[in-house]
N, C-alpha and C. Protein backbone atom coordinates (compact mmCIF):
# COMPACT_ATOMS: atom_id res chain seq x y z
N MET A 1 67.68 56.22 -4.32
CA MET A 1 67.30 55.42 -3.19
C MET A 1 65.99 55.92 -2.59
N ASN A 2 65.06 56.26 -3.41
CA ASN A 2 63.78 56.75 -2.92
C ASN A 2 63.07 55.69 -2.09
N GLY A 3 62.38 56.13 -1.05
CA GLY A 3 61.60 55.22 -0.23
C GLY A 3 62.33 54.69 1.00
N LEU A 4 63.63 54.90 1.09
CA LEU A 4 64.36 54.42 2.26
C LEU A 4 64.17 55.39 3.42
N ARG A 5 63.91 54.83 4.61
CA ARG A 5 63.75 55.63 5.82
C ARG A 5 64.32 54.84 7.00
N SER A 6 65.01 55.55 7.87
CA SER A 6 65.49 54.90 9.08
C SER A 6 64.33 54.68 10.04
N GLU A 7 64.45 53.65 10.88
CA GLU A 7 63.42 53.31 11.85
C GLU A 7 64.05 53.11 13.22
N VAL A 8 63.24 53.26 14.27
CA VAL A 8 63.69 52.98 15.62
C VAL A 8 64.03 51.49 15.70
N SER A 9 65.17 51.15 16.30
CA SER A 9 65.62 49.76 16.29
C SER A 9 66.71 49.53 17.34
N GLU A 10 67.33 48.35 17.28
CA GLU A 10 68.38 47.95 18.23
C GLU A 10 69.69 48.68 17.95
N PRO A 11 70.50 48.93 18.99
CA PRO A 11 71.81 49.56 18.79
C PRO A 11 72.72 48.69 17.91
N LEU A 12 73.57 49.34 17.15
CA LEU A 12 74.49 48.67 16.24
C LEU A 12 75.76 49.50 16.16
N TYR A 13 76.90 48.82 16.02
CA TYR A 13 78.20 49.49 16.01
C TYR A 13 78.89 49.19 14.69
N LEU A 14 79.20 50.25 13.93
CA LEU A 14 79.76 50.09 12.59
C LEU A 14 81.17 50.67 12.50
N HIS A 15 81.91 50.15 11.53
CA HIS A 15 83.26 50.62 11.20
C HIS A 15 83.26 50.90 9.70
N PHE A 16 83.01 52.15 9.30
CA PHE A 16 83.01 52.54 7.90
C PHE A 16 84.46 52.72 7.45
N MET A 17 84.82 52.10 6.32
CA MET A 17 86.18 52.19 5.79
C MET A 17 86.15 52.66 4.35
N ASN A 18 86.81 53.77 4.06
CA ASN A 18 86.87 54.31 2.70
C ASN A 18 87.98 53.62 1.93
N LYS A 19 87.63 52.76 0.98
CA LYS A 19 88.61 52.06 0.14
C LYS A 19 88.72 52.72 -1.24
N CYS A 20 88.21 53.92 -1.38
CA CYS A 20 88.32 54.66 -2.64
C CYS A 20 89.59 55.53 -2.60
N ASP A 21 89.99 56.00 -3.76
CA ASP A 21 91.16 56.87 -3.81
C ASP A 21 90.78 58.35 -3.72
N LYS A 22 89.53 58.62 -3.38
CA LYS A 22 89.03 59.99 -3.24
C LYS A 22 88.21 60.10 -1.97
N ALA A 23 87.96 61.33 -1.55
CA ALA A 23 87.13 61.56 -0.37
C ALA A 23 85.70 61.09 -0.64
N VAL A 24 85.06 60.53 0.39
CA VAL A 24 83.68 60.07 0.26
C VAL A 24 82.81 60.67 1.35
N ASP A 25 81.56 60.90 1.01
CA ASP A 25 80.57 61.39 1.97
C ASP A 25 79.78 60.21 2.51
N ILE A 26 79.64 60.18 3.82
CA ILE A 26 78.77 59.21 4.48
C ILE A 26 77.47 59.95 4.77
N ILE A 27 76.37 59.42 4.28
CA ILE A 27 75.09 60.11 4.38
C ILE A 27 74.08 59.22 5.10
N TRP A 28 73.49 59.76 6.16
CA TRP A 28 72.46 59.06 6.92
C TRP A 28 71.09 59.45 6.36
N ILE A 29 70.22 58.47 6.19
CA ILE A 29 68.85 58.74 5.72
C ILE A 29 67.95 58.79 6.96
N SER A 30 67.29 59.90 7.15
CA SER A 30 66.51 60.14 8.36
C SER A 30 65.20 59.33 8.38
N PHE A 31 64.47 59.50 9.48
CA PHE A 31 63.18 58.84 9.66
C PHE A 31 62.15 59.35 8.65
N ARG A 32 62.39 60.52 8.09
CA ARG A 32 61.50 61.11 7.07
C ARG A 32 62.01 60.87 5.66
N GLY A 33 63.11 60.16 5.53
CA GLY A 33 63.67 59.87 4.22
C GLY A 33 64.56 60.97 3.68
N GLN A 34 64.95 61.90 4.52
CA GLN A 34 65.82 63.00 4.10
C GLN A 34 67.28 62.58 4.26
N TYR A 35 68.13 63.08 3.36
CA TYR A 35 69.55 62.75 3.37
C TYR A 35 70.31 63.80 4.18
N HIS A 36 71.17 63.32 5.11
CA HIS A 36 71.96 64.21 5.95
C HIS A 36 73.42 63.78 5.88
N LEU A 37 74.29 64.73 5.49
CA LEU A 37 75.72 64.43 5.48
C LEU A 37 76.18 64.19 6.91
N TYR A 38 76.72 63.02 7.14
CA TYR A 38 77.16 62.63 8.49
C TYR A 38 78.64 62.95 8.68
N LYS A 39 79.45 62.58 7.67
CA LYS A 39 80.91 62.78 7.76
C LYS A 39 81.52 62.57 6.38
N THR A 40 82.64 63.20 6.13
CA THR A 40 83.43 62.97 4.92
C THR A 40 84.72 62.27 5.33
N LEU A 41 85.03 61.18 4.61
CA LEU A 41 86.26 60.43 4.90
C LEU A 41 87.24 60.57 3.75
N LEU A 42 88.49 60.77 4.08
CA LEU A 42 89.56 60.79 3.10
C LEU A 42 89.90 59.35 2.70
N PRO A 43 90.67 59.15 1.62
CA PRO A 43 91.05 57.79 1.22
C PRO A 43 91.72 57.02 2.36
N GLU A 44 91.33 55.76 2.51
CA GLU A 44 91.85 54.85 3.53
C GLU A 44 91.51 55.26 4.96
N GLN A 45 90.71 56.30 5.12
CA GLN A 45 90.30 56.72 6.46
C GLN A 45 89.09 55.90 6.90
N TYR A 46 88.89 55.77 8.21
CA TYR A 46 87.74 55.03 8.72
C TYR A 46 87.01 55.86 9.76
N LEU A 47 85.80 55.41 10.07
CA LEU A 47 84.98 56.07 11.07
C LEU A 47 84.18 55.02 11.81
N ASP A 48 84.27 55.00 13.13
CA ASP A 48 83.43 54.13 13.94
C ASP A 48 82.17 54.89 14.31
N VAL A 49 81.02 54.26 14.08
CA VAL A 49 79.73 54.90 14.31
C VAL A 49 78.87 54.01 15.20
N ASP A 50 78.30 54.60 16.23
CA ASP A 50 77.31 53.92 17.06
C ASP A 50 75.95 54.34 16.51
N THR A 51 75.19 53.38 15.98
CA THR A 51 73.95 53.69 15.27
C THR A 51 72.89 52.65 15.66
N TYR A 52 71.97 52.38 14.75
CA TYR A 52 70.88 51.43 15.01
C TYR A 52 70.69 50.52 13.80
N SER A 53 70.15 49.34 14.06
CA SER A 53 70.08 48.29 13.04
C SER A 53 69.19 48.64 11.85
N ARG A 54 68.22 49.49 12.01
CA ARG A 54 67.35 49.85 10.88
C ARG A 54 67.59 51.29 10.40
N HIS A 55 68.81 51.75 10.60
CA HIS A 55 69.18 53.04 10.03
C HIS A 55 69.83 52.79 8.68
N TYR A 56 69.50 53.64 7.72
CA TYR A 56 70.00 53.49 6.35
C TYR A 56 71.08 54.53 6.08
N TRP A 57 72.08 54.09 5.31
CA TRP A 57 73.22 54.91 4.95
C TRP A 57 73.50 54.77 3.46
N VAL A 58 73.89 55.88 2.82
CA VAL A 58 74.34 55.86 1.43
C VAL A 58 75.67 56.61 1.36
N PHE A 59 76.37 56.42 0.25
CA PHE A 59 77.73 56.93 0.14
C PHE A 59 77.96 57.49 -1.26
N ARG A 60 78.78 58.53 -1.35
CA ARG A 60 79.11 59.12 -2.66
C ARG A 60 80.48 59.76 -2.58
N GLU A 61 81.10 59.89 -3.77
CA GLU A 61 82.35 60.65 -3.84
C GLU A 61 82.02 62.09 -3.52
N THR A 62 82.84 62.72 -2.73
CA THR A 62 82.58 64.09 -2.29
C THR A 62 82.55 65.07 -3.46
N GLN A 63 83.57 65.03 -4.31
CA GLN A 63 83.70 66.02 -5.37
C GLN A 63 82.72 65.77 -6.52
N SER A 64 82.67 64.56 -7.04
CA SER A 64 81.83 64.26 -8.21
C SER A 64 80.40 63.90 -7.85
N ARG A 65 80.16 63.55 -6.58
CA ARG A 65 78.86 63.10 -6.08
C ARG A 65 78.42 61.77 -6.71
N THR A 66 79.39 61.01 -7.23
CA THR A 66 79.13 59.70 -7.83
C THR A 66 78.74 58.72 -6.72
N PRO A 67 77.63 58.00 -6.89
CA PRO A 67 77.23 57.02 -5.88
C PRO A 67 78.27 55.90 -5.74
N LEU A 68 78.44 55.45 -4.51
CA LEU A 68 79.38 54.37 -4.19
C LEU A 68 78.61 53.23 -3.54
N VAL A 69 79.29 52.11 -3.37
CA VAL A 69 78.65 50.96 -2.72
C VAL A 69 79.29 50.72 -1.35
N ALA A 70 78.52 50.08 -0.49
CA ALA A 70 79.00 49.67 0.83
C ALA A 70 78.78 48.17 0.92
N ASN A 71 79.87 47.43 1.08
CA ASN A 71 79.81 45.96 1.06
C ASN A 71 79.06 45.48 -0.19
N ASN A 72 79.37 46.12 -1.31
CA ASN A 72 78.84 45.78 -2.64
C ASN A 72 77.36 46.05 -2.83
N LYS A 73 76.77 46.94 -2.02
CA LYS A 73 75.36 47.30 -2.19
C LYS A 73 75.23 48.81 -2.25
N TRP A 74 74.18 49.29 -2.91
CA TRP A 74 74.00 50.73 -3.12
C TRP A 74 73.64 51.48 -1.85
N TYR A 75 73.19 50.79 -0.84
CA TYR A 75 72.92 51.41 0.45
C TYR A 75 73.29 50.40 1.54
N PHE A 76 73.40 50.89 2.76
CA PHE A 76 73.70 49.98 3.85
C PHE A 76 72.63 50.12 4.93
N CYS A 77 72.14 48.97 5.40
CA CYS A 77 71.23 48.90 6.53
C CYS A 77 71.77 47.84 7.48
N GLY A 78 71.83 48.15 8.76
CA GLY A 78 72.42 47.27 9.74
C GLY A 78 71.78 45.90 9.86
N GLU A 79 70.55 45.77 9.44
CA GLU A 79 69.89 44.46 9.50
C GLU A 79 70.66 43.41 8.72
N GLU A 80 71.45 43.84 7.76
CA GLU A 80 72.24 42.92 6.93
C GLU A 80 73.41 42.32 7.70
N CYS A 81 73.66 42.78 8.92
CA CYS A 81 74.77 42.27 9.72
C CYS A 81 74.43 40.98 10.44
N GLY A 82 73.23 40.47 10.25
CA GLY A 82 72.85 39.22 10.90
C GLY A 82 72.43 39.40 12.34
N LEU A 83 71.74 40.48 12.62
CA LEU A 83 71.28 40.75 13.98
C LEU A 83 70.19 39.76 14.37
N PRO A 84 69.87 39.58 15.63
CA PRO A 84 70.41 40.37 16.74
C PRO A 84 71.76 39.84 17.19
N TYR A 85 72.57 40.75 17.71
CA TYR A 85 73.88 40.40 18.26
C TYR A 85 73.85 40.79 19.73
N ARG A 86 73.94 39.84 20.59
CA ARG A 86 73.87 40.09 22.03
C ARG A 86 75.21 39.71 22.68
N SER A 87 75.79 40.66 23.40
CA SER A 87 77.05 40.39 24.07
C SER A 87 77.35 41.55 25.01
N ASP A 88 78.16 41.28 26.03
CA ASP A 88 78.60 42.36 26.91
C ASP A 88 79.57 43.28 26.19
N THR A 89 80.30 42.72 25.23
CA THR A 89 81.23 43.49 24.43
C THR A 89 80.66 43.60 23.02
N PRO A 90 80.11 44.76 22.65
CA PRO A 90 79.50 44.89 21.33
C PRO A 90 80.51 44.68 20.20
N LYS A 91 80.05 44.05 19.15
CA LYS A 91 80.89 43.82 17.97
C LYS A 91 80.72 45.00 17.02
N ARG A 92 81.82 45.45 16.43
CA ARG A 92 81.76 46.52 15.45
C ARG A 92 81.84 45.88 14.07
N TYR A 93 80.82 46.10 13.24
CA TYR A 93 80.74 45.50 11.91
C TYR A 93 81.44 46.39 10.89
N GLU A 94 82.26 45.75 10.05
CA GLU A 94 83.01 46.49 9.03
C GLU A 94 82.14 46.74 7.80
N VAL A 95 82.16 47.99 7.35
CA VAL A 95 81.43 48.40 6.15
C VAL A 95 82.45 49.02 5.20
N ILE A 96 82.72 48.34 4.08
CA ILE A 96 83.71 48.79 3.10
C ILE A 96 83.03 49.65 2.04
N ILE A 97 83.48 50.88 1.92
CA ILE A 97 82.95 51.82 0.93
C ILE A 97 83.88 51.78 -0.28
N SER A 98 83.32 51.51 -1.46
CA SER A 98 84.14 51.39 -2.67
C SER A 98 83.33 51.72 -3.91
N ARG A 99 84.01 51.68 -5.04
CA ARG A 99 83.33 51.85 -6.33
C ARG A 99 82.74 50.51 -6.72
N PRO A 100 81.59 50.49 -7.34
CA PRO A 100 80.94 49.21 -7.63
C PRO A 100 81.68 48.31 -8.61
N ILE A 101 82.08 48.80 -9.75
CA ILE A 101 82.71 47.95 -10.75
C ILE A 101 84.12 47.59 -10.32
N VAL A 102 84.83 48.55 -9.75
CA VAL A 102 86.19 48.30 -9.31
C VAL A 102 86.21 47.20 -8.25
N THR A 103 85.20 47.16 -7.43
CA THR A 103 85.11 46.13 -6.39
C THR A 103 85.13 44.74 -7.02
N LYS A 104 84.33 44.56 -8.04
CA LYS A 104 84.25 43.25 -8.70
C LYS A 104 85.55 42.93 -9.44
N LEU A 105 86.08 43.90 -10.16
CA LEU A 105 87.33 43.68 -10.88
C LEU A 105 88.48 43.40 -9.92
N ARG A 106 88.48 44.09 -8.79
CA ARG A 106 89.51 43.89 -7.78
C ARG A 106 89.50 42.45 -7.28
N SER A 107 88.32 41.94 -6.98
CA SER A 107 88.19 40.56 -6.49
C SER A 107 88.67 39.55 -7.53
N ILE A 108 88.29 39.77 -8.78
CA ILE A 108 88.71 38.87 -9.87
C ILE A 108 90.23 38.91 -10.02
N CYS A 109 90.79 40.10 -10.00
CA CYS A 109 92.24 40.26 -10.16
C CYS A 109 93.00 39.58 -9.03
N ILE A 110 92.58 39.81 -7.80
CA ILE A 110 93.25 39.21 -6.65
C ILE A 110 93.15 37.69 -6.72
N HIS A 111 91.98 37.19 -7.04
CA HIS A 111 91.81 35.74 -7.14
C HIS A 111 92.72 35.15 -8.22
N PHE A 112 92.74 35.77 -9.39
CA PHE A 112 93.54 35.28 -10.51
C PHE A 112 95.03 35.29 -10.18
N LEU A 113 95.49 36.36 -9.54
CA LEU A 113 96.92 36.49 -9.27
C LEU A 113 97.39 35.77 -8.00
N CYS A 114 96.46 35.30 -7.18
CA CYS A 114 96.85 34.67 -5.92
C CYS A 114 96.48 33.19 -5.81
N HIS A 115 95.77 32.65 -6.80
CA HIS A 115 95.32 31.26 -6.72
C HIS A 115 95.56 30.53 -8.05
N GLY A 116 95.72 29.24 -7.97
CA GLY A 116 95.82 28.42 -9.17
C GLY A 116 97.17 28.47 -9.85
N ASN A 117 97.20 28.00 -11.11
CA ASN A 117 98.44 27.90 -11.88
C ASN A 117 99.08 29.25 -12.19
N ASN A 118 98.26 30.31 -12.28
CA ASN A 118 98.78 31.63 -12.63
C ASN A 118 99.20 32.46 -11.43
N ALA A 119 99.15 31.88 -10.25
CA ALA A 119 99.41 32.63 -9.03
C ALA A 119 100.84 33.14 -8.97
N LEU A 120 100.98 34.36 -8.50
CA LEU A 120 102.31 34.91 -8.23
C LEU A 120 102.89 34.16 -7.03
N LYS A 121 104.16 33.84 -7.08
CA LYS A 121 104.78 33.04 -6.03
C LYS A 121 105.35 33.88 -4.89
N HIS A 122 105.80 35.10 -5.21
CA HIS A 122 106.46 35.94 -4.22
C HIS A 122 105.94 37.37 -4.30
N CYS A 123 105.96 38.04 -3.16
CA CYS A 123 105.53 39.43 -3.11
C CYS A 123 106.36 40.33 -4.02
N SER A 124 107.62 39.97 -4.21
CA SER A 124 108.51 40.80 -5.04
C SER A 124 108.03 40.88 -6.49
N ASN A 125 107.26 39.89 -6.95
CA ASN A 125 106.74 39.91 -8.32
C ASN A 125 105.67 40.99 -8.54
N VAL A 126 105.04 41.41 -7.46
CA VAL A 126 103.93 42.37 -7.56
C VAL A 126 104.41 43.73 -8.05
N LYS A 127 105.63 44.11 -7.71
CA LYS A 127 106.12 45.44 -8.09
C LYS A 127 106.17 45.66 -9.60
N TYR A 128 106.18 44.58 -10.38
CA TYR A 128 106.26 44.70 -11.84
C TYR A 128 104.88 44.88 -12.50
N LEU A 129 103.82 44.72 -11.74
CA LEU A 129 102.47 44.85 -12.29
C LEU A 129 102.10 46.33 -12.44
N GLU A 130 101.48 46.66 -13.55
CA GLU A 130 101.04 48.03 -13.79
C GLU A 130 99.58 48.14 -13.36
N ILE A 131 99.40 48.22 -12.04
CA ILE A 131 98.07 48.28 -11.43
C ILE A 131 98.12 49.29 -10.29
N PRO A 132 96.97 49.73 -9.79
CA PRO A 132 96.97 50.70 -8.68
C PRO A 132 97.69 50.17 -7.44
N VAL A 133 98.30 51.09 -6.72
CA VAL A 133 99.07 50.75 -5.52
C VAL A 133 98.19 50.05 -4.48
N THR A 134 96.94 50.49 -4.33
CA THR A 134 96.07 49.85 -3.33
C THR A 134 95.80 48.40 -3.69
N LEU A 135 95.71 48.10 -4.98
CA LEU A 135 95.51 46.71 -5.41
C LEU A 135 96.79 45.90 -5.17
N LYS A 136 97.94 46.51 -5.42
CA LYS A 136 99.21 45.83 -5.14
C LYS A 136 99.29 45.43 -3.66
N ARG A 137 98.89 46.36 -2.77
CA ARG A 137 98.92 46.07 -1.34
C ARG A 137 98.03 44.89 -0.99
N ASP A 138 96.83 44.85 -1.58
CA ASP A 138 95.90 43.75 -1.31
C ASP A 138 96.43 42.41 -1.82
N ILE A 139 97.08 42.44 -2.96
CA ILE A 139 97.66 41.21 -3.53
C ILE A 139 98.82 40.71 -2.66
N ILE A 140 99.67 41.64 -2.23
CA ILE A 140 100.79 41.28 -1.35
C ILE A 140 100.26 40.66 -0.05
N LYS A 141 99.21 41.24 0.48
CA LYS A 141 98.61 40.70 1.71
C LYS A 141 98.12 39.27 1.49
N LYS A 142 97.44 39.03 0.36
CA LYS A 142 96.93 37.67 0.06
C LYS A 142 98.07 36.67 -0.13
N ILE A 143 99.11 37.10 -0.84
CA ILE A 143 100.26 36.20 -1.05
C ILE A 143 100.88 35.86 0.30
N HIS A 144 101.01 36.86 1.15
CA HIS A 144 101.62 36.62 2.46
C HIS A 144 100.73 35.71 3.33
N GLU A 145 99.41 35.84 3.21
CA GLU A 145 98.50 34.94 3.93
C GLU A 145 98.70 33.50 3.46
N ARG A 146 98.89 33.34 2.17
CA ARG A 146 99.09 32.01 1.58
C ARG A 146 100.45 31.45 1.95
N ASP A 147 101.47 32.33 1.93
CA ASP A 147 102.85 31.89 2.20
C ASP A 147 103.53 32.92 3.11
N PRO A 148 103.48 32.70 4.42
CA PRO A 148 104.06 33.67 5.36
C PRO A 148 105.57 33.92 5.16
N HIS A 149 106.23 33.04 4.42
CA HIS A 149 107.67 33.21 4.19
C HIS A 149 107.96 34.13 3.00
N SER A 150 106.92 34.50 2.26
CA SER A 150 107.10 35.44 1.16
C SER A 150 107.44 36.80 1.75
N HIS A 151 108.32 37.54 1.11
CA HIS A 151 108.84 38.77 1.68
C HIS A 151 108.00 39.97 1.29
N ILE A 152 107.25 40.51 2.25
CA ILE A 152 106.44 41.69 2.00
C ILE A 152 107.32 42.90 1.72
N SER A 153 108.47 42.98 2.32
CA SER A 153 109.34 44.14 2.15
C SER A 153 109.91 44.25 0.73
N ASP A 154 109.71 43.22 -0.08
CA ASP A 154 110.24 43.23 -1.45
C ASP A 154 109.39 44.05 -2.41
N GLU A 155 108.29 44.63 -1.94
CA GLU A 155 107.43 45.36 -2.86
C GLU A 155 108.14 46.56 -3.39
């Protein structure tokens, strides 16, 4: 991510969410383009950050240092939130930290299993799938959104 630098800008409120199964580092890129570890998040952990719209952030797995994506991009800059946002009650924008390929495969899998002729009809069917637990949870949530009478407790 050479060439990225944070700039003075408008306040922005973020909600970083680690959707990986490993710890991730949240790294702020300074005004000089230097990388600074801001915080490490455990799996499914989140962090609310008060920052600025032209501040840049990158993410990596803590142990392997493998780059991760935020909202499906290699870096995050608040300008992508559709600023300016003016209100007495500031909005906190969600930033999902995940693996790049898994993100795409996850979306395809959820769509395939929750829509159309191949859709699972009940949450209880999900327990038979040989897929990661976090994906099972997302599929159950989608099924329940589609059919509130489907039993989530059947997982």
